[in-house]
Protein backbone atom coordinates (compact mmCIF):
# COMPACT_ATOMS: atom_id res chain seq x y z
CA MET A 1 -0.06 0.09 -0.13
CA SER A 2 2.51 2.39 0.36
CA THR A 3 3.23 2.39 -3.21
CA LEU A 4 -0.16 3.69 -3.74
CA LYS A 5 0.17 6.13 -1.36
CA ARG A 6 3.29 7.88 -2.86
CA TYR A 7 1.35 7.69 -5.82
CA LYS A 8 -1.71 9.66 -4.36
CA ASP A 9 0.80 12.09 -2.56
CA LEU A 10 2.57 12.75 -5.94
CA GLU A 11 -0.74 13.21 -7.44
CA LYS A 12 -1.94 15.66 -5.06
CA SER A 13 1.77 17.57 -5.03
CA LEU A 14 1.31 17.56 -9.01
CA ALA A 15 -2.32 18.87 -9.01
CA LYS A 16 -1.20 21.44 -6.36
CA ARG A 17 1.60 22.69 -8.64
CA LEU A 18 -0.69 23.06 -11.59
CA SER A 19 -3.24 24.82 -9.62
CA SER A 20 -0.96 27.43 -8.10
CA ALA A 21 0.79 27.52 -11.86
CA PHE A 22 -2.62 28.40 -13.24
CA GLN A 23 -3.64 30.92 -10.67
CA ARG A 24 -0.29 32.74 -10.87
CA SER A 25 -0.91 32.85 -14.80
CA ALA A 26 -4.57 34.22 -14.26
CA ALA A 27 -3.45 36.76 -12.17
CA ALA A 28 -0.84 37.94 -14.63
CA VAL A 29 -3.09 38.09 -17.59
CA ALA A 30 -5.64 39.87 -15.36
CA ALA A 31 -2.65 42.47 -14.16
CA PHE A 32 -1.88 42.71 -17.79
CA PHE A 33 -5.38 43.63 -18.80
CA ARG A 34 -5.88 45.90 -15.63
CA ALA A 35 -2.39 47.74 -17.06
CA VAL A 36 -3.84 48.41 -20.24
CA VAL A 37 -7.08 49.52 -19.20
CA LYS A 38 -5.51 52.06 -16.63
CA ALA A 39 -3.22 53.03 -19.57
CA GLY A 40 -6.05 53.25 -21.74
CA ARG A 41 -7.79 55.92 -19.75
CA GLN A 42 -4.73 58.13 -19.19
CA LYS A 43 -5.59 61.24 -21.07
CA ILE A 44 -3.66 63.45 -23.39
CA THR A 45 -4.25 67.14 -23.84
CA ILE A 46 -3.74 69.02 -26.95
CA MET A 47 -3.45 72.53 -26.35
CA LEU A 48 -4.21 75.07 -29.25
CA VAL A 49 -2.83 78.25 -28.51
CA PRO A 50 -3.90 81.20 -30.94
CA HIS A 51 -1.07 84.30 -31.65
CA THR A 52 -3.68 86.56 -30.42
CA GLU A 53 -5.33 86.55 -26.67
CA LYS A 54 -8.35 84.70 -27.94
CA ARG A 55 -8.99 81.80 -25.85
CA ILE A 56 -6.85 78.84 -25.40
CA LEU A 57 -8.35 75.43 -26.64
CA ASN A 58 -7.78 72.60 -24.69
CA LEU A 59 -8.84 69.21 -25.80
CA GLN A 60 -8.53 66.02 -23.89
CA ILE A 61 -8.49 62.45 -25.21
CA SER A 62 -7.87 59.29 -23.71
CA PHE A 63 -5.57 56.79 -25.51
CA PHE A 64 -8.86 54.72 -26.09
CA GLY A 65 -10.87 57.38 -27.54
CA LEU A 66 -7.52 58.14 -29.75
CA GLY A 67 -7.02 54.68 -30.66
CA PHE A 68 -11.01 54.46 -31.68
CA GLY A 69 -10.73 57.55 -34.06
CA LEU A 70 -7.59 56.44 -35.49
CA LEU A 71 -9.10 52.96 -36.64
CA VAL A 72 -12.17 55.08 -37.69
CA ILE A 73 -10.05 57.00 -40.09
CA LEU A 74 -8.29 54.01 -41.26
CA GLY A 75 -11.52 52.20 -41.88
CA VAL A 76 -12.70 55.15 -43.73
CA ALA A 77 -9.52 55.64 -45.55
CA GLY A 78 -9.56 51.43 -46.62
CA THR A 79 -13.36 51.98 -47.65
CA LEU A 80 -12.30 54.66 -50.05
CA ILE A 81 -9.16 52.93 -51.68
CA VAL A 82 -11.49 49.80 -52.12
CA ALA A 83 -13.68 52.29 -54.09
CA ALA A 84 -11.37 53.61 -56.17
CA ALA A 85 -9.93 50.02 -56.87
CA GLY A 86 -13.67 49.06 -57.55
CA TYR A 87 -14.04 52.25 -60.06
CA SER A 88 -11.12 52.12 -61.95
CA GLY A 89 -11.74 48.29 -62.66
CA VAL A 90 -15.36 49.34 -63.90
CA ALA A 91 -13.65 52.05 -66.11
CA GLY A 92 -11.48 49.76 -67.42
CA GLU A 93 -13.99 47.37 -68.17
CA LEU A 94 -16.25 49.99 -69.79
CA ALA A 95 -13.19 51.29 -72.15
CA GLY A 96 -13.00 47.61 -73.04
CA LYS A 97 -16.64 47.72 -74.36
CA ALA A 98 -16.65 51.08 -75.73
CA ASP A 99 -13.73 49.67 -78.00
CA ALA A 100 -15.76 46.71 -78.92
CA LEU A 101 -18.82 48.42 -79.57
CA ARG A 102 -16.76 50.76 -82.06
CA THR A 103 -15.57 47.61 -83.66
CA THR A 104 -19.37 46.44 -84.13
CA GLN A 105 -20.10 49.81 -85.48
CA SER A 106 -17.39 49.86 -87.91
CA ASP A 107 -18.51 46.16 -88.72
CA LEU A 108 -22.14 47.36 -89.16
CA ASP A 109 -21.25 50.20 -91.41
CA THR A 110 -19.41 47.52 -93.57
CA ILE A 111 -22.45 45.50 -93.63
CA ARG A 112 -24.78 48.81 -94.66
CA ASP A 113 -22.31 49.68 -97.12
CA THR A 114 -22.57 46.04 -98.78
CA THR A 115 -25.94 45.95 -98.42
CA SER A 116 -26.20 49.33 -100.51
CA ARG A 117 -24.27 48.07 -102.98
CA LEU A 118 -26.04 44.63 -103.28
CA VAL A 119 -29.63 47.19 -103.54
CA ASP A 120 -28.19 48.56 -106.49
CA SER A 121 -27.09 45.44 -108.06
CA VAL A 122 -30.80 44.07 -107.78
CA ARG A 123 -31.83 47.75 -108.91
CA SER A 124 -29.41 47.32 -112.20
CA PHE A 125 -30.60 43.49 -112.52
CA GLN A 126 -34.32 44.33 -112.15
CA ALA A 127 -33.68 47.04 -114.88
CA ALA A 128 -32.46 44.31 -117.26
CA LEU A 129 -34.66 41.63 -116.20
CA ASP A 130 -37.58 44.30 -117.05
CA SER A 131 -35.83 45.06 -120.32
CA ALA A 132 -35.36 41.49 -121.40
CA LEU A 133 -38.97 40.40 -120.27
CA ALA A 134 -40.36 43.60 -122.31
CA LYS A 135 -38.16 42.45 -125.62
CA VAL A 136 -39.48 38.80 -125.17
CA GLY A 137 -43.16 39.80 -124.37
CA ALA A 138 -43.26 38.18 -121.17
CA ASP A 139 -44.81 39.74 -117.94
CA ASN A 140 -43.14 39.99 -114.75
CA ALA A 141 -44.29 37.44 -112.40
CA ASP A 142 -43.96 39.61 -109.61
CA GLY A 143 -45.08 42.92 -110.93
CA ALA A 144 -42.21 44.23 -108.72
CA ALA A 145 -40.89 46.75 -111.09
CA THR A 146 -43.14 49.13 -110.90
CA GLU A 147 -42.64 50.73 -107.93
CA ARG A 148 -39.17 51.50 -106.63
CA ASP A 149 -38.56 54.00 -104.02
CA GLY A 150 -34.99 53.07 -102.88
CA ASP A 151 -35.46 50.29 -100.57
CA LEU A 152 -35.70 46.97 -101.07
CA ALA A 153 -38.96 46.69 -99.52
CA SER A 154 -40.57 48.15 -102.36
CA PHE A 155 -39.12 45.06 -104.62
CA PHE A 156 -40.77 42.64 -102.51
CA GLU A 157 -44.11 42.19 -100.32
CA ARG A 158 -43.72 44.11 -97.13
CA ALA A 159 -43.30 42.27 -93.85
CA GLU A 160 -42.40 42.96 -90.39
CA VAL A 161 -38.86 42.18 -89.17
CA GLY A 162 -38.42 40.13 -86.47
CA THR A 163 -37.38 41.49 -83.11
CA GLY A 164 -33.70 41.96 -82.58
CA ARG A 165 -32.76 41.53 -86.43
CA LEU A 166 -31.43 43.88 -88.36
CA ARG A 167 -33.66 45.26 -91.30
CA GLU A 168 -30.56 45.24 -93.64
CA ALA A 169 -30.14 41.30 -92.94
CA ASP A 170 -33.59 40.93 -93.65
CA GLU A 171 -33.15 42.65 -96.78
CA ILE A 172 -30.69 40.56 -97.84
CA ASP A 173 -32.97 37.55 -97.56
CA ARG A 174 -35.72 39.14 -99.58
CA VAL A 175 -33.04 39.85 -102.03
CA SER A 176 -31.67 36.28 -102.33
CA ASP A 177 -35.42 35.32 -102.51
CA TYR A 178 -36.25 37.30 -105.13
CA LEU A 179 -33.11 36.78 -107.19
CA GLU A 180 -34.07 32.73 -107.00
CA ARG A 181 -37.39 33.90 -108.21
CA SER A 182 -35.92 35.78 -111.37
CA VAL A 183 -34.01 33.02 -112.22
CA ASP A 184 -36.90 30.86 -112.31
CA THR A 185 -38.95 33.66 -114.56
CA LEU A 186 -35.50 33.93 -117.02
CA GLN A 187 -35.77 30.38 -117.20
CA GLU A 188 -39.48 29.99 -118.37
């Protein structure tokens, strides 16, 4: 039993040492926080003394208040920096989209020029077809040559263009259909 008693005594001694060390650690941490609070409550006095005989301005602020003020200033500055970075990113993206828009506009202008040349070609073809049909004595199957106002829609039946589709693209489809019908008329 003596061995058991020695283990029990050793266990009690170890428990006392651990308890004592924990209490000392807790007391040291508590003392540290008390010292921080005491130092934080100390005040700084800022005095503004004018060169004239006006009243002296005294401003007292604690270290905690000063720290809080600096934290607010840093937070506002950080927010402004993040907002400025976001703005510059959006501005760069907007500039890229503007370049893409200019490129697309240039492509659209090219398509419009091509469509205009196609319309001129169709007019020439229509005139030649009408002349050839008149010499042969045949009537134009569509009767479209009588009304020309400069728009391809005058050559064909008027139909609404679907939403989201360019009018020029619809006119090119109409010209293609017309030319296919004209070939049939010429073959007859």
